[in-house]
Protein backbone atom coordinates (compact mmCIF):
# COMPACT_ATOMS: atom_id res chain seq x y z
CA ILE A 1 0.00 0.00 0.00
CA LEU A 2 1.25 3.44 -0.97
CA THR A 3 -0.05 6.42 1.03
CA LEU A 4 0.34 10.01 -0.15
CA THR A 5 -0.35 13.28 1.66
CA ALA A 6 0.09 16.74 0.17
CA ARG A 7 -1.37 20.24 0.06
CA ARG A 8 -2.80 19.68 -3.44
CA GLY A 9 -3.68 16.60 -5.44
CA VAL A 10 -5.34 15.51 -8.66
CA LEU A 11 -6.77 12.02 -9.16
CA ASN A 12 -7.66 10.81 -12.64
CA THR A 13 -10.55 8.47 -11.82
CA ALA A 14 -10.36 6.77 -15.23
CA THR A 15 -6.65 5.85 -15.01
CA LYS A 16 -6.19 6.07 -11.21
CA ASP A 17 -3.11 8.22 -11.83
CA ILE A 18 -2.32 10.77 -9.12
CA GLN A 19 -0.39 14.04 -9.11
CA VAL A 20 0.36 15.67 -5.76
CA SER A 21 2.30 18.79 -4.82
CA GLY A 22 3.15 20.90 -1.82
CA GLN A 23 4.81 19.29 1.20
CA VAL A 24 4.37 15.79 -0.19
CA VAL A 25 4.88 12.75 2.03
CA ALA A 26 4.67 9.29 0.44
CA ARG A 27 4.86 6.14 2.56
CA HIS A 28 5.39 2.60 1.28
CA GLY A 29 6.36 -0.10 3.75
CA ASN A 30 9.19 1.17 5.98
CA TYR A 31 10.08 3.95 3.52
CA THR A 32 9.05 7.59 3.75
CA LEU A 33 9.63 9.86 0.75
CA THR A 34 9.32 13.63 0.97
CA GLY A 35 9.44 16.32 -1.69
CA ASP A 36 7.54 19.08 -3.41
CA ALA A 37 5.80 17.13 -6.20
CA PHE A 38 5.19 13.48 -7.07
CA SER A 39 3.33 11.68 -9.84
CA TYR A 40 1.97 8.16 -9.51
CA THR A 41 1.16 6.15 -12.65
CA HIS A 42 -1.21 3.38 -11.62
CA ASP A 43 -0.87 1.08 -14.66
CA LEU A 44 2.92 1.00 -14.31
CA LYS A 45 2.94 1.25 -10.49
CA MET A 46 5.56 4.01 -10.85
CA LEU A 47 6.14 6.94 -8.49
CA THR A 48 8.23 9.79 -9.90
CA SER A 49 9.47 13.18 -8.84
CA GLN A 50 11.25 15.69 -11.04
CA SER A 51 12.07 17.88 -8.01
CA PRO A 52 14.38 17.25 -5.02
CA VAL A 53 13.41 14.30 -2.83
CA ALA A 54 14.44 12.69 0.45
CA ILE A 55 14.03 9.00 1.30
CA HIS A 56 14.14 7.77 4.89
CA SER A 57 13.88 4.33 6.46
CA PRO A 58 15.28 2.73 9.59
CA ARG A 59 18.35 1.74 7.54
CA LEU A 60 19.03 4.77 5.32
CA SER A 61 18.60 8.43 4.53
CA ILE A 62 19.12 9.59 0.93
CA THR A 63 18.52 12.83 -0.96
CA ALA A 64 18.54 13.41 -4.72
CA ALA A 65 17.52 15.95 -7.35
CA ARG A 66 14.90 13.58 -8.82
CA MET A 67 13.68 10.03 -8.52
CA THR A 68 11.73 7.15 -10.06
CA VAL A 69 10.37 4.25 -7.98
CA ASP A 70 9.08 1.06 -9.61
CA LEU A 71 6.76 -0.47 -7.01
CA ASN A 72 6.57 -3.72 -9.00
CA THR A 73 10.30 -4.44 -8.82
CA GLN A 74 11.03 -2.41 -5.65
CA GLU A 75 13.78 -0.57 -7.59
CA THR A 76 14.50 3.11 -7.12
CA GLU A 77 16.52 5.30 -9.49
CA LEU A 78 18.00 8.46 -7.98
CA VAL A 79 19.51 11.11 -10.26
CA GLY A 80 21.46 14.29 -9.56
CA ASP A 81 23.29 15.35 -6.40
CA VAL A 82 22.63 12.00 -4.70
CA LYS A 83 23.75 11.92 -1.07
CA GLY A 84 23.08 9.30 1.56
CA ILE A 85 23.78 7.72 4.89
CA LEU A 86 23.47 3.96 5.22
CA ASN A 87 23.12 2.24 8.57
CA ASP A 88 25.86 -0.36 9.04
CA ALA A 89 23.15 -3.06 9.20
CA VAL A 90 22.55 -2.67 5.44
CA SER A 91 24.11 -5.45 3.38
CA LEU A 92 24.96 -4.64 -0.21
């Protein structure tokens, strides 16, 4: 389950796509993503942001200029000025 909160949002009821902006907080599992604007594409199960984002979990904190999350594969692509702190419990 993905939960989104924001100051503004638009839901396309036909496609179930969502665009949110303004103090956005997205939660999926143990991960919390924050930023100014996110788009969710329901058919692809993709969450994207073209503006700076922060990702936090018990094991990591990462910031980047933009991001794409594929909820099907659990893969996240971070692009631009990526910085992070990984807890030593993370195994790579």
